[in-house]
Amino acid sequence: MKRYLYLFNLLLLILLSGTLNTGDCFRTCCYAAQRPQGETHFVAMRDGVKLATDVYIPKGEDESYPVVVVRTVYGRKGMQALGRASNKRGYVLVSQDSRGRGDSEGTENTFFDDGWGALQDGADLIQWIQEQPWCNGKIGTSGGSALGITQILMAAATSGISCQSILVASSNFYDQLTYQGGVFRKALCEDWLTSQKVPYMIQRWQEHPRYDAFWEQLNAEPKAEVVTAPGMHVGGWWDIFAQGTINNFMTRQYEGGEGAKGNQKLIMGPWLHGPKKNPGDLVLHDNFIFDYYKYEQRFQDFWLKNEPNGIMDEPAVNYYTLGDVTNPDAPGNEWRTAETWPPFPTTEEAWYLHGDGSLSTQAPEGAEGSLTYIYDPADPCPTHGGAELTLPAGPFDQQELAKRDDVLLFLSDALEAPLEITGNVKVRLFISTDAPDTDFTAKFVDVYPDGRQYLMLDNIQRLKFRKGFTEAAPLESGTVGELWIDLWTTSLILDKGHRIGLHISSSNYPRFEKNPNTGEDFPSDELRSANNTIYTNAQYPSFLSLPVPH
């Protein structure tokens, strides 16, 4: 177990160097001795801009080798250890600073030049590699987070990739990264862009609050049919890109082009943007680690070296089902395999919100029933865990937030038997407001017998984008409207004695930008409070939708 943990963290640190503010320390500690000396090339892109590219070639007798490619915004010089490890396995490693980063020429345009647009830096690099005498024609790509995003984008622009290893990455920038539910993901976007010294991109992203042609350039999901590369996709249930990892797997596995369709792998663990034994307030069982490093080696060896190691005969999906971490006999807390995702048929079980704060599978019967709270953007509900990167992330206890006047808490009775939830969780709300626009948030919490409320999933939805993200559809004041909040996906068994918990509010700050309630996209000097109402009656039955096996 310790070896697996070391290898997993080693690979994560190499691939995510800089993302988690650990890269500089790791490079200082681990790269000092026996550094392989990569040969630096300045590779010309189609517009003549030259990108710094290091090539690490094995010291063997072969004239050509399979190649592994890493394109990074964090500095190619941090790849020496990976270069040495790749060479020992008989691979050339090619690491490249993306445009405007490190020693590369050009202006940083944060992923927009990495895909299928006017500039296609990833595809241009693949073409250059194919022309080199040390390449035997087999090219794989690897990397996580930003390094995974560059992979996703380049795969839609070239057929020259033999396989990909994509770790914790987004397949659709708009609703998985920048405007989740139509709301600007403030902390992540502002903190990351500022740390990468491209704060001007914040304004560019804020200039496009609707899904438009700007964001189409960074949505790879509709491009799945042109992707030809087999791929493995690794994510965590509390990762910032959890749903993107699953979506990228599914679109390629079931809609991909020749070579990609049917040749994808998915690994979903109990992780944040990397593995951690104590995410949030939980302490996981020792089996939380998956030997990703060994799995990736086998995957690459199969596709790049034609080794008959049987990996493609194994189930396509490995996923971790969460459970009560305090009870060693509780169901869950285990790795499972499946041939598909979702792994089995489910029933969308509705748990209805009632005016007394209860949750049950019994639909409300009365004609009356609603709950109203005041959302004041000058006093937003603070972020406390969830799928975050620059803020404390994971399943934190939400009990204190549940005491706020602007948070509605709904609780089920204690479960009489374990309840498994595996798949996409959603909330359907019937609502009204006296404001020109507002937001609604939902948190799905696992309530332990002692009252702790661990955050499993949460999300937000802007009211005016309830019908789609391309055009605003304001709701007339006082009119009842319907909206869905997509809480993303998990696999969890709530043990006997646990309760299902649901928080409803209108803010989660600074994870998401606060809605000024004025109809504007971003706060200004003008803020106003909103009286927001959730309906809980027979005509307007709001409910939590849970995917349960049948």
Protein backbone atom coordinates (compact mmCIF):
# COMPACT_ATOMS: atom_id res chain seq x y z
CA MET A 1 0.00 0.00 0.00
CA LYS A 2 2.78 2.45 0.85
CA ARG A 3 4.46 1.71 -2.48
CA TYR A 4 1.23 2.33 -4.37
CA LEU A 5 0.62 5.55 -2.47
CA TYR A 6 4.15 6.73 -3.25
CA LEU A 7 3.89 5.92 -6.95
CA PHE A 8 0.45 7.48 -7.27
CA ASN A 9 1.53 10.67 -5.57
CA LEU A 10 4.79 10.74 -7.54
CA LEU A 11 2.95 10.67 -10.83
CA LEU A 12 0.39 13.20 -9.67
CA LEU A 13 3.07 15.60 -8.54
CA ILE A 14 4.92 15.27 -11.83
CA LEU A 15 1.80 15.81 -13.88
CA LEU A 16 0.16 18.43 -11.70
CA SER A 17 3.38 20.28 -10.91
CA GLY A 18 2.36 23.84 -10.11
CA THR A 19 -1.38 23.13 -10.01
CA LEU A 20 -1.44 22.26 -6.33
CA ASN A 21 1.41 24.52 -5.28
CA THR A 22 3.61 21.47 -4.69
CA GLY A 23 5.60 21.47 -7.90
CA ASP A 24 8.47 23.73 -6.86
CA CYS A 25 9.09 21.78 -3.64
CA PHE A 26 8.91 18.47 -5.46
CA ARG A 27 11.33 19.58 -8.15
CA THR A 28 13.79 20.87 -5.54
CA CYS A 29 13.68 17.65 -3.52
CA CYS A 30 13.58 15.01 -6.22
CA TYR A 31 15.25 16.28 -9.38
CA ALA A 32 18.67 17.15 -8.02
CA ALA A 33 20.44 13.86 -8.80
CA GLN A 34 20.92 11.97 -12.08
CA ARG A 35 18.89 14.29 -14.26
CA PRO A 36 18.61 13.03 -17.82
CA GLN A 37 19.57 15.80 -20.19
CA GLY A 38 16.80 16.37 -22.68
CA GLU A 39 17.66 17.96 -25.98
CA THR A 40 15.82 21.25 -26.47
CA HIS A 41 14.17 22.10 -29.78
CA PHE A 42 12.17 25.17 -30.72
CA VAL A 43 9.35 23.71 -32.77
CA ALA A 44 7.60 26.05 -35.20
CA MET A 45 3.82 26.16 -35.12
CA ARG A 46 1.71 26.90 -38.21
CA ASP A 47 1.94 30.67 -37.59
CA GLY A 48 5.74 30.56 -37.18
CA VAL A 49 5.76 30.91 -33.39
CA LYS A 50 8.31 28.54 -31.85
CA LEU A 51 7.58 26.50 -28.74
CA ALA A 52 10.30 25.17 -26.42
CA THR A 53 10.29 21.39 -26.56
CA ASP A 54 12.54 18.93 -24.70
CA VAL A 55 13.15 15.44 -26.08
CA TYR A 56 14.44 12.61 -23.87
CA ILE A 57 15.64 9.62 -25.94
CA PRO A 58 16.55 6.22 -24.43
CA LYS A 59 20.19 5.21 -24.62
CA GLY A 60 19.45 2.00 -26.46
CA GLU A 61 20.37 0.37 -29.73
CA ASP A 62 17.01 0.97 -31.38
CA GLU A 63 16.80 3.77 -33.89
CA SER A 64 13.20 4.61 -33.10
CA TYR A 65 10.85 4.27 -30.15
CA PRO A 66 7.27 4.90 -29.10
CA VAL A 67 6.77 8.42 -27.75
CA VAL A 68 4.93 9.89 -24.75
CA VAL A 69 3.99 13.58 -25.03
CA VAL A 70 3.31 16.06 -22.23
CA ARG A 71 2.27 19.64 -23.05
CA THR A 72 2.37 21.87 -19.99
CA VAL A 73 1.65 25.38 -18.77
CA TYR A 74 3.77 24.76 -15.65
CA GLY A 75 7.24 24.42 -17.16
CA ARG A 76 8.69 21.57 -19.20
CA LYS A 77 11.90 21.65 -17.15
CA GLY A 78 10.04 19.95 -14.32
CA MET A 79 9.78 16.77 -16.39
CA GLN A 80 13.28 15.34 -15.89
CA ALA A 81 12.15 12.57 -13.52
CA LEU A 82 9.36 11.58 -15.88
CA GLY A 83 11.85 11.64 -18.75
CA ARG A 84 14.16 9.25 -16.93
CA ALA A 85 11.29 6.92 -15.99
CA SER A 86 9.99 6.94 -19.57
CA ASN A 87 13.42 6.19 -21.02
CA LYS A 88 13.85 3.21 -18.70
CA ARG A 89 10.60 1.81 -20.05
CA GLY A 90 11.76 2.23 -23.64
CA TYR A 91 9.88 5.43 -24.46
CA VAL A 92 10.92 8.80 -25.78
CA LEU A 93 9.47 11.60 -23.66
CA VAL A 94 8.60 14.88 -25.36
CA SER A 95 7.70 17.76 -23.02
CA GLN A 96 6.66 21.14 -24.36
CA ASP A 97 5.97 24.55 -22.86
CA SER A 98 2.65 25.72 -24.22
CA ARG A 99 2.42 28.99 -26.12
CA GLY A 100 3.60 31.99 -24.10
CA ARG A 101 4.75 29.83 -21.17
CA GLY A 102 8.25 28.90 -20.01
CA ASP A 103 10.70 29.43 -22.84
CA SER A 104 8.10 29.31 -25.60
CA GLU A 105 7.38 32.27 -27.84
CA GLY A 106 3.97 33.82 -28.37
CA THR A 107 1.23 35.14 -26.12
CA GLU A 108 -0.51 32.98 -23.54
CA ASN A 109 -4.10 32.36 -24.63
CA THR A 110 -5.00 29.75 -21.97
CA PHE A 111 -6.04 26.67 -23.95
CA PHE A 112 -7.62 28.46 -26.91
CA ASP A 113 -4.67 27.62 -29.18
CA ASP A 114 -4.47 23.97 -28.12
CA GLY A 115 -7.50 22.58 -29.95
CA TRP A 116 -9.08 22.70 -33.39
CA GLY A 117 -9.19 26.48 -33.96
CA ALA A 118 -7.10 28.70 -36.20
CA LEU A 119 -4.01 27.73 -34.20
CA GLN A 120 -3.56 24.06 -33.32
CA ASP A 121 -0.39 23.80 -31.28
CA GLY A 122 -1.04 20.27 -30.04
CA ALA A 123 -1.69 18.91 -33.52
CA ASP A 124 1.37 20.74 -34.88
CA LEU A 125 3.56 19.12 -32.24
CA ILE A 126 2.23 15.65 -33.10
CA GLN A 127 2.99 16.24 -36.77
CA TRP A 128 6.55 17.36 -35.95
CA ILE A 129 7.12 14.24 -33.82
CA GLN A 130 5.86 11.99 -36.61
CA GLU A 131 8.58 13.41 -38.86
CA GLN A 132 11.44 12.67 -36.45
CA PRO A 133 13.70 9.62 -36.96
CA TRP A 134 13.47 8.60 -33.29
CA CYS A 135 9.66 8.17 -33.51
CA ASN A 136 8.39 4.76 -34.61
CA GLY A 137 4.92 6.12 -35.35
CA LYS A 138 3.33 5.29 -31.99
CA ILE A 139 2.54 8.42 -29.97
CA GLY A 140 0.79 8.61 -26.62
CA THR A 141 -0.05 11.64 -24.51
CA SER A 142 -0.17 11.97 -20.74
CA GLY A 143 -0.90 14.52 -18.03
CA GLY A 144 -3.34 15.82 -15.48
CA SER A 145 -5.39 18.95 -14.84
CA ALA A 146 -4.21 21.63 -17.30
CA LEU A 147 -2.00 18.97 -18.90
CA GLY A 148 -5.07 16.79 -19.30
CA ILE A 149 -7.06 19.62 -20.85
CA THR A 150 -4.42 20.14 -23.54
CA GLN A 151 -4.72 16.43 -24.35
CA ILE A 152 -8.49 16.55 -24.66
CA LEU A 153 -8.31 19.52 -27.01
CA MET A 154 -5.54 18.17 -29.24
CA ALA A 155 -7.28 14.81 -29.70
CA ALA A 156 -10.08 16.55 -31.59
CA ALA A 157 -7.56 18.11 -34.00
CA THR A 158 -5.34 15.19 -35.01
CA SER A 159 -5.61 11.47 -35.74
CA GLY A 160 -1.93 10.94 -34.96
CA ILE A 161 -2.38 9.93 -31.31
CA SER A 162 -2.23 6.23 -30.41
CA CYS A 163 -3.50 6.56 -26.83
CA GLN A 164 -4.08 9.10 -24.07
CA SER A 165 -3.83 9.11 -20.26
CA ILE A 166 -6.06 11.95 -19.06
CA LEU A 167 -6.11 12.78 -15.36
CA VAL A 168 -8.59 15.16 -13.63
CA ALA A 169 -9.47 17.34 -16.63
CA SER A 170 -12.44 19.22 -18.07
CA SER A 171 -14.10 18.35 -21.37
CA ASN A 172 -16.43 21.39 -21.44
CA PHE A 173 -15.00 24.64 -20.11
CA TYR A 174 -18.27 26.54 -19.82
CA ASP A 175 -20.37 24.46 -17.44
CA GLN A 176 -17.59 22.38 -15.86
CA LEU A 177 -15.12 25.15 -15.12
CA THR A 178 -16.03 28.79 -15.67
CA TYR A 179 -19.84 29.05 -15.45
CA GLN A 180 -21.17 26.10 -13.52
CA GLY A 181 -24.94 26.30 -13.72
CA GLY A 182 -24.46 29.63 -15.48
CA VAL A 183 -22.68 31.15 -12.44
CA PHE A 184 -19.07 32.34 -12.57
CA ARG A 185 -16.80 29.99 -10.62
CA LYS A 186 -15.09 32.87 -8.90
CA ALA A 187 -12.44 31.40 -6.58
CA LEU A 188 -11.12 28.78 -8.99
CA CYS A 189 -10.97 31.00 -12.06
CA GLU A 190 -9.63 34.14 -10.42
CA ASP A 191 -7.13 32.38 -8.16
CA TRP A 192 -5.76 30.06 -10.84
CA LEU A 193 -5.48 32.67 -13.59
CA THR A 194 -3.82 35.11 -11.20
CA SER A 195 -1.36 32.48 -9.98
CA GLN A 196 -0.47 31.72 -13.61
CA LYS A 197 0.21 35.42 -14.24
CA VAL A 198 -2.54 35.77 -16.84
CA PRO A 199 -5.07 37.92 -14.93
CA TYR A 200 -6.20 39.50 -18.21
CA MET A 201 -7.93 36.20 -18.99
CA ILE A 202 -10.34 36.81 -16.09
CA GLN A 203 -11.91 39.72 -17.93
CA ARG A 204 -12.02 37.76 -21.18
CA TRP A 205 -13.87 34.92 -19.50
CA GLN A 206 -16.23 37.31 -17.72
CA GLU A 207 -17.12 38.95 -21.03
CA HIS A 208 -18.86 35.72 -22.04
CA PRO A 209 -21.36 34.76 -19.31
CA ARG A 210 -23.48 32.87 -21.84
CA TYR A 211 -22.49 29.80 -23.79
CA ASP A 212 -21.47 31.12 -27.20
CA ALA A 213 -18.93 30.62 -29.99
CA PHE A 214 -16.20 31.70 -27.58
CA TRP A 215 -16.83 28.66 -25.36
CA GLU A 216 -17.53 26.27 -28.23
CA GLN A 217 -13.77 26.33 -28.84
CA LEU A 218 -13.27 24.66 -25.45
CA ASN A 219 -16.11 22.14 -25.53
CA ALA A 220 -14.69 18.84 -26.71
CA GLU A 221 -17.77 16.73 -26.03
CA PRO A 222 -19.47 17.42 -29.41
CA LYS A 223 -16.13 16.61 -31.09
CA ALA A 224 -15.98 13.05 -29.72
CA GLU A 225 -16.93 11.53 -33.07
CA VAL A 226 -13.67 12.76 -34.64
CA VAL A 227 -11.46 11.49 -31.82
CA THR A 228 -9.60 8.29 -32.75
CA ALA A 229 -7.40 7.72 -29.68
CA PRO A 230 -8.04 5.09 -27.01
CA GLY A 231 -7.98 6.80 -23.63
CA MET A 232 -7.95 6.30 -19.90
CA HIS A 233 -9.70 8.88 -17.75
CA VAL A 234 -9.01 9.34 -14.03
CA GLY A 235 -11.08 11.48 -11.68
CA GLY A 236 -12.22 11.92 -8.09
CA TRP A 237 -15.71 12.27 -6.65
CA TRP A 238 -14.79 15.65 -5.10
CA ASP A 239 -12.57 16.82 -7.94
CA ILE A 240 -13.29 20.12 -9.66
CA PHE A 241 -13.57 18.21 -12.96
CA ALA A 242 -15.41 15.11 -11.71
CA GLN A 243 -18.28 15.36 -14.18
CA GLY A 244 -15.95 16.36 -17.00
CA THR A 245 -13.93 13.18 -16.49
CA ILE A 246 -17.07 11.04 -16.69
CA ASN A 247 -18.48 12.95 -19.66
CA ASN A 248 -15.23 12.69 -21.59
CA PHE A 249 -15.14 8.94 -21.01
CA MET A 250 -18.78 8.47 -22.02
CA THR A 251 -18.75 10.60 -25.16
CA ARG A 252 -15.62 8.90 -26.47
CA GLN A 253 -16.60 5.39 -25.36
CA TYR A 254 -20.06 5.49 -26.93
CA GLU A 255 -19.81 8.20 -29.61
CA GLY A 256 -16.10 8.29 -30.46
CA GLY A 257 -14.52 7.79 -33.84
CA GLU A 258 -12.87 4.62 -35.08
CA GLY A 259 -10.20 3.61 -32.59
CA ALA A 260 -11.70 5.59 -29.72
CA LYS A 261 -15.18 4.07 -29.51
CA GLY A 262 -15.18 1.11 -27.15
CA ASN A 263 -11.53 1.61 -26.18
CA GLN A 264 -11.85 3.98 -23.22
CA LYS A 265 -11.15 3.30 -19.54
CA LEU A 266 -12.55 5.14 -16.50
CA ILE A 267 -11.18 5.28 -12.95
CA MET A 268 -13.17 7.26 -10.35
CA GLY A 269 -11.80 7.33 -6.80
CA PRO A 270 -12.67 8.98 -3.46
CA TRP A 271 -10.35 11.86 -4.24
CA LEU A 272 -10.11 15.62 -4.55
CA HIS A 273 -7.90 17.01 -7.35
CA GLY A 274 -5.50 14.33 -6.15
CA PRO A 275 -5.51 11.54 -3.55
CA LYS A 276 -5.80 12.38 0.13
CA LYS A 277 -6.63 10.02 2.98
CA ASN A 278 -8.53 12.70 4.90
CA PRO A 279 -10.50 14.75 2.37
CA GLY A 280 -12.56 17.39 4.14
CA ASP A 281 -13.64 16.07 7.54
CA LEU A 282 -13.63 12.39 6.53
CA VAL A 283 -10.85 9.86 7.10
CA LEU A 284 -10.98 7.24 4.36
CA HIS A 285 -10.17 3.56 4.62
CA ASP A 286 -6.67 2.50 3.57
CA ASN A 287 -7.95 1.15 0.25
CA PHE A 288 -8.60 4.64 -1.12
CA ILE A 289 -5.56 4.41 -3.41
CA PHE A 290 -5.67 2.87 -6.88
CA ASP A 291 -2.39 1.81 -8.50
CA TYR A 292 -2.84 4.27 -11.33
CA TYR A 293 0.86 4.29 -12.20
CA LYS A 294 0.94 0.56 -12.95
CA TYR A 295 -2.38 0.78 -14.79
CA GLU A 296 -1.12 3.59 -17.02
CA GLN A 297 2.04 1.64 -17.81
CA ARG A 298 0.00 -1.36 -18.91
CA PHE A 299 -2.33 0.84 -20.95
CA GLN A 300 0.56 2.53 -22.74
CA ASP A 301 2.43 -0.73 -23.29
CA PHE A 302 -0.66 -2.27 -24.89
CA TRP A 303 -1.29 0.58 -27.33
CA LEU A 304 2.26 1.83 -27.93
CA LYS A 305 4.25 -1.42 -27.77
CA ASN A 306 1.57 -3.95 -28.80
CA GLU A 307 2.15 -5.92 -25.60
CA PRO A 308 -0.62 -8.52 -25.09
CA ASN A 309 -1.03 -7.76 -21.37
CA GLY A 310 -4.79 -8.23 -21.29
CA ILE A 311 -5.71 -4.76 -20.06
CA MET A 312 -8.33 -4.25 -22.76
CA ASP A 313 -9.99 -7.53 -21.77
CA GLU A 314 -10.59 -6.16 -18.28
CA PRO A 315 -13.69 -4.15 -17.29
CA ALA A 316 -13.76 -0.64 -18.72
CA VAL A 317 -14.63 1.03 -15.41
CA ASN A 318 -13.02 0.98 -11.97
CA TYR A 319 -14.87 3.06 -9.38
CA TYR A 320 -14.93 3.50 -5.62
CA THR A 321 -18.23 3.28 -3.76
CA LEU A 322 -18.22 5.41 -0.63
CA GLY A 323 -19.74 4.34 2.68
CA ASP A 324 -19.81 5.13 6.40
CA VAL A 325 -16.11 5.59 7.15
CA THR A 326 -16.58 5.18 10.92
CA ASN A 327 -18.07 1.69 10.75
CA PRO A 328 -15.74 -1.04 9.43
CA ASP A 329 -18.74 -3.30 8.82
CA ALA A 330 -20.71 -0.73 6.83
CA PRO A 331 -21.43 -1.48 3.17
CA GLY A 332 -19.38 0.42 0.62
CA ASN A 333 -15.85 1.77 1.05
CA GLU A 334 -14.74 -0.55 -1.74
CA TRP A 335 -13.49 -0.63 -5.32
CA ARG A 336 -15.80 -2.06 -7.95
CA THR A 337 -15.60 -2.76 -11.66
CA ALA A 338 -18.14 -2.44 -14.45
CA GLU A 339 -18.28 -2.73 -18.22
CA THR A 340 -20.25 0.49 -18.63
CA TRP A 341 -21.06 3.78 -16.97
CA PRO A 342 -23.48 3.96 -15.34
CA PRO A 343 -22.49 0.52 -14.07
CA PHE A 344 -26.04 -0.85 -13.82
CA PRO A 345 -29.65 0.20 -14.49
CA THR A 346 -31.07 2.61 -11.94
CA THR A 347 -34.41 4.07 -10.98
CA GLU A 348 -34.65 7.81 -10.46
CA GLU A 349 -36.10 7.76 -6.97
CA ALA A 350 -37.79 11.02 -5.96
CA TRP A 351 -37.39 12.26 -2.40
CA TYR A 352 -39.90 15.07 -1.99
CA LEU A 353 -39.36 18.28 -0.05
CA HIS A 354 -42.08 19.00 2.52
CA GLY A 355 -43.01 22.20 4.29
CA ASP A 356 -42.04 20.78 7.69
CA GLY A 357 -38.45 20.28 6.50
CA SER A 358 -38.79 16.57 5.90
CA LEU A 359 -37.68 14.50 2.89
CA SER A 360 -39.64 11.41 1.92
CA THR A 361 -40.65 9.29 -1.04
CA GLN A 362 -44.25 10.27 -0.31
CA ALA A 363 -45.34 13.09 -2.62
CA PRO A 364 -47.00 16.13 -0.98
CA GLU A 365 -50.79 16.05 -1.11
CA GLY A 366 -51.91 19.48 0.02
CA ALA A 367 -52.67 22.45 -2.22
CA GLU A 368 -50.63 24.74 -0.01
CA GLY A 369 -46.99 24.48 0.94
CA SER A 370 -43.95 26.70 0.47
CA LEU A 371 -40.93 28.01 2.32
CA THR A 372 -39.40 31.47 1.84
CA TYR A 373 -36.00 32.81 2.84
CA ILE A 374 -34.18 36.09 2.23
CA TYR A 375 -31.00 35.96 0.18
CA ASP A 376 -28.82 39.02 0.80
CA PRO A 377 -25.75 39.22 -1.49
CA ALA A 378 -24.09 41.44 1.12
CA ASP A 379 -24.11 38.42 3.45
CA PRO A 380 -23.71 35.36 1.22
CA CYS A 381 -23.55 31.82 2.52
CA PRO A 382 -19.82 30.99 2.80
CA THR A 383 -18.16 28.15 0.94
CA HIS A 384 -17.31 25.18 3.14
CA GLY A 385 -15.89 22.34 1.10
CA GLY A 386 -17.08 20.69 -2.07
CA ALA A 387 -15.33 20.33 -5.42
CA GLU A 388 -12.71 23.04 -5.03
CA LEU A 389 -9.05 23.63 -5.83
CA THR A 390 -7.89 26.90 -4.28
CA LEU A 391 -10.25 26.70 -1.28
CA PRO A 392 -10.45 23.87 1.29
CA ALA A 393 -12.12 21.04 -0.61
CA GLY A 394 -14.04 17.88 0.06
CA PRO A 395 -16.75 16.49 2.37
CA PHE A 396 -16.80 18.96 5.23
CA ASP A 397 -19.48 18.90 7.94
CA GLN A 398 -22.24 21.38 7.02
CA GLN A 399 -24.05 21.57 10.39
CA GLU A 400 -23.12 25.16 11.16
CA LEU A 401 -24.20 26.43 7.74
CA ALA A 402 -27.54 24.66 8.17
CA LYS A 403 -28.28 27.05 11.05
CA ARG A 404 -28.28 30.12 8.78
CA ASP A 405 -31.62 31.83 8.12
CA ASP A 406 -30.98 31.73 4.37
CA VAL A 407 -30.46 27.94 4.28
CA LEU A 408 -33.38 25.51 4.13
CA LEU A 409 -32.56 22.07 5.54
CA PHE A 410 -34.57 19.01 4.54
CA LEU A 411 -33.97 15.68 6.31
CA SER A 412 -35.29 12.18 5.76
CA ASP A 413 -36.10 9.80 8.58
CA ALA A 414 -33.29 7.48 9.61
CA LEU A 415 -32.91 4.84 6.92
CA GLU A 416 -34.18 1.40 7.88
CA ALA A 417 -31.81 -0.29 5.41
CA PRO A 418 -28.73 0.75 3.43
CA LEU A 419 -29.47 2.86 0.36
CA GLU A 420 -27.11 2.81 -2.62
CA ILE A 421 -26.83 5.87 -4.85
CA THR A 422 -24.72 5.48 -7.98
CA GLY A 423 -25.08 7.89 -10.86
CA ASN A 424 -26.17 11.44 -11.58
CA VAL A 425 -27.95 13.21 -8.70
CA LYS A 426 -30.31 16.11 -9.48
CA VAL A 427 -32.72 18.43 -7.73
CA ARG A 428 -35.98 19.68 -9.25
CA LEU A 429 -37.25 22.87 -7.66
CA PHE A 430 -40.39 24.88 -8.16
CA ILE A 431 -39.49 28.41 -7.15
CA SER A 432 -40.42 32.07 -7.27
CA THR A 433 -38.62 35.29 -6.40
CA ASP A 434 -39.36 38.99 -6.15
CA ALA A 435 -36.01 39.84 -7.77
CA PRO A 436 -35.22 40.28 -11.49
CA ASP A 437 -32.85 37.32 -11.19
CA THR A 438 -31.30 35.16 -8.49
CA ASP A 439 -29.48 31.86 -7.95
CA PHE A 440 -30.42 28.61 -6.24
CA THR A 441 -27.96 26.20 -4.64
CA ALA A 442 -28.38 22.61 -3.48
CA LYS A 443 -26.18 20.41 -1.29
CA PHE A 444 -26.65 16.67 -0.93
CA VAL A 445 -25.33 15.64 2.49
CA ASP A 446 -24.84 12.27 4.18
CA VAL A 447 -26.19 12.74 7.70
CA TYR A 448 -24.50 10.39 10.16
CA PRO A 449 -26.40 9.08 13.23
CA ASP A 450 -24.58 11.59 15.46
CA GLY A 451 -25.82 14.51 13.33
CA ARG A 452 -22.75 15.29 11.25
CA GLN A 453 -23.68 16.39 7.73
CA TYR A 454 -20.95 15.46 5.26
CA LEU A 455 -21.11 17.20 1.90
CA MET A 456 -21.25 14.63 -0.91
CA LEU A 457 -22.36 16.75 -3.87
CA ASP A 458 -23.46 20.32 -4.50
CA ASN A 459 -24.07 22.79 -7.29
CA ILE A 460 -25.75 26.03 -8.27
CA GLN A 461 -28.16 27.23 -10.96
CA ARG A 462 -28.79 30.76 -12.17
CA LEU A 463 -32.51 31.35 -12.55
CA LYS A 464 -32.38 33.15 -15.90
CA PHE A 465 -30.37 30.26 -17.41
CA ARG A 466 -32.74 27.53 -16.19
CA LYS A 467 -33.81 26.81 -19.81
CA GLY A 468 -30.29 26.82 -21.24
CA PHE A 469 -27.07 28.77 -21.23
CA THR A 470 -27.25 30.48 -24.63
CA GLU A 471 -30.05 32.95 -23.84
CA ALA A 472 -31.43 34.48 -20.66
CA ALA A 473 -35.04 33.69 -19.75
CA PRO A 474 -36.01 35.96 -16.84
CA LEU A 475 -38.85 34.81 -14.60
CA GLU A 476 -41.58 37.35 -13.92
CA SER A 477 -41.69 38.43 -10.29
CA GLY A 478 -44.03 36.25 -8.25
CA THR A 479 -44.46 33.67 -11.01
CA VAL A 480 -43.73 30.05 -10.17
CA GLY A 481 -40.96 28.57 -12.29
CA GLU A 482 -39.24 25.20 -12.54
CA LEU A 483 -35.49 24.63 -12.51
CA TRP A 484 -33.14 21.69 -12.21
CA ILE A 485 -29.84 21.70 -10.35
CA ASP A 486 -27.39 19.08 -11.59
CA LEU A 487 -25.36 17.93 -8.59
CA TRP A 488 -23.04 15.78 -10.76
CA THR A 489 -22.25 12.14 -10.06
CA THR A 490 -21.21 9.90 -7.18
CA SER A 491 -21.30 6.32 -5.90
CA LEU A 492 -22.32 6.08 -2.25
CA ILE A 493 -24.08 3.74 0.15
CA LEU A 494 -25.92 5.47 2.97
CA ASP A 495 -25.90 2.97 5.82
CA LYS A 496 -28.82 1.99 7.99
CA GLY A 497 -29.44 4.74 10.55
CA HIS A 498 -28.12 7.52 8.29
CA ARG A 499 -30.36 10.25 6.93
CA ILE A 500 -30.55 11.91 3.54
CA GLY A 501 -29.96 15.64 3.86
CA LEU A 502 -30.55 18.47 1.40
CA HIS A 503 -29.58 22.13 1.81
CA ILE A 504 -31.28 24.74 -0.38
CA SER A 505 -30.00 28.30 -0.51
CA SER A 506 -28.94 30.95 -3.04
CA SER A 507 -25.21 31.47 -2.60
CA ASN A 508 -21.92 29.64 -2.04
CA TYR A 509 -19.28 32.35 -1.87
CA PRO A 510 -16.50 32.72 -2.94
CA ARG A 511 -16.67 29.41 -4.76
CA PHE A 512 -19.34 31.00 -6.95
CA GLU A 513 -19.81 34.68 -7.66
CA LYS A 514 -22.75 36.09 -5.73
CA ASN A 515 -25.83 37.11 -7.66
CA PRO A 516 -26.64 40.82 -7.12
CA ASN A 517 -30.36 40.01 -7.69
CA THR A 518 -30.58 42.90 -10.17
CA GLY A 519 -30.52 40.91 -13.40
CA GLU A 520 -26.88 41.79 -14.04
CA ASP A 521 -24.32 39.03 -14.51
CA PHE A 522 -21.84 40.35 -11.95
CA PRO A 523 -22.10 42.38 -8.73
CA SER A 524 -21.64 46.15 -8.84
CA ASP A 525 -22.38 48.90 -6.37
CA GLU A 526 -26.05 48.01 -6.68
CA LEU A 527 -27.09 44.99 -4.62
CA ARG A 528 -30.55 44.05 -3.44
CA SER A 529 -32.05 41.31 -1.32
CA ALA A 530 -34.35 38.66 -2.78
CA ASN A 531 -37.26 36.85 -1.20
CA ASN A 532 -36.85 33.36 -2.66
CA THR A 533 -39.56 30.74 -2.29
CA ILE A 534 -39.38 26.95 -2.64
CA TYR A 535 -42.73 25.24 -3.30
CA THR A 536 -43.55 21.97 -1.56
CA ASN A 537 -47.16 21.18 -2.50
CA ALA A 538 -49.05 18.76 -4.74
CA GLN A 539 -49.15 21.18 -7.68
CA TYR A 540 -45.48 22.10 -7.40
CA PRO A 541 -43.69 19.08 -5.87
CA SER A 542 -40.00 19.86 -5.50
CA PHE A 543 -37.79 16.80 -5.07
CA LEU A 544 -34.30 15.34 -4.87
CA SER A 545 -33.71 12.72 -7.58
CA LEU A 546 -31.47 9.83 -6.52
CA PRO A 547 -30.28 7.08 -8.90
CA VAL A 548 -30.80 3.80 -7.03
CA PRO A 549 -30.21 0.28 -8.40
CA HIS A 550 -33.21 -1.73 -9.53
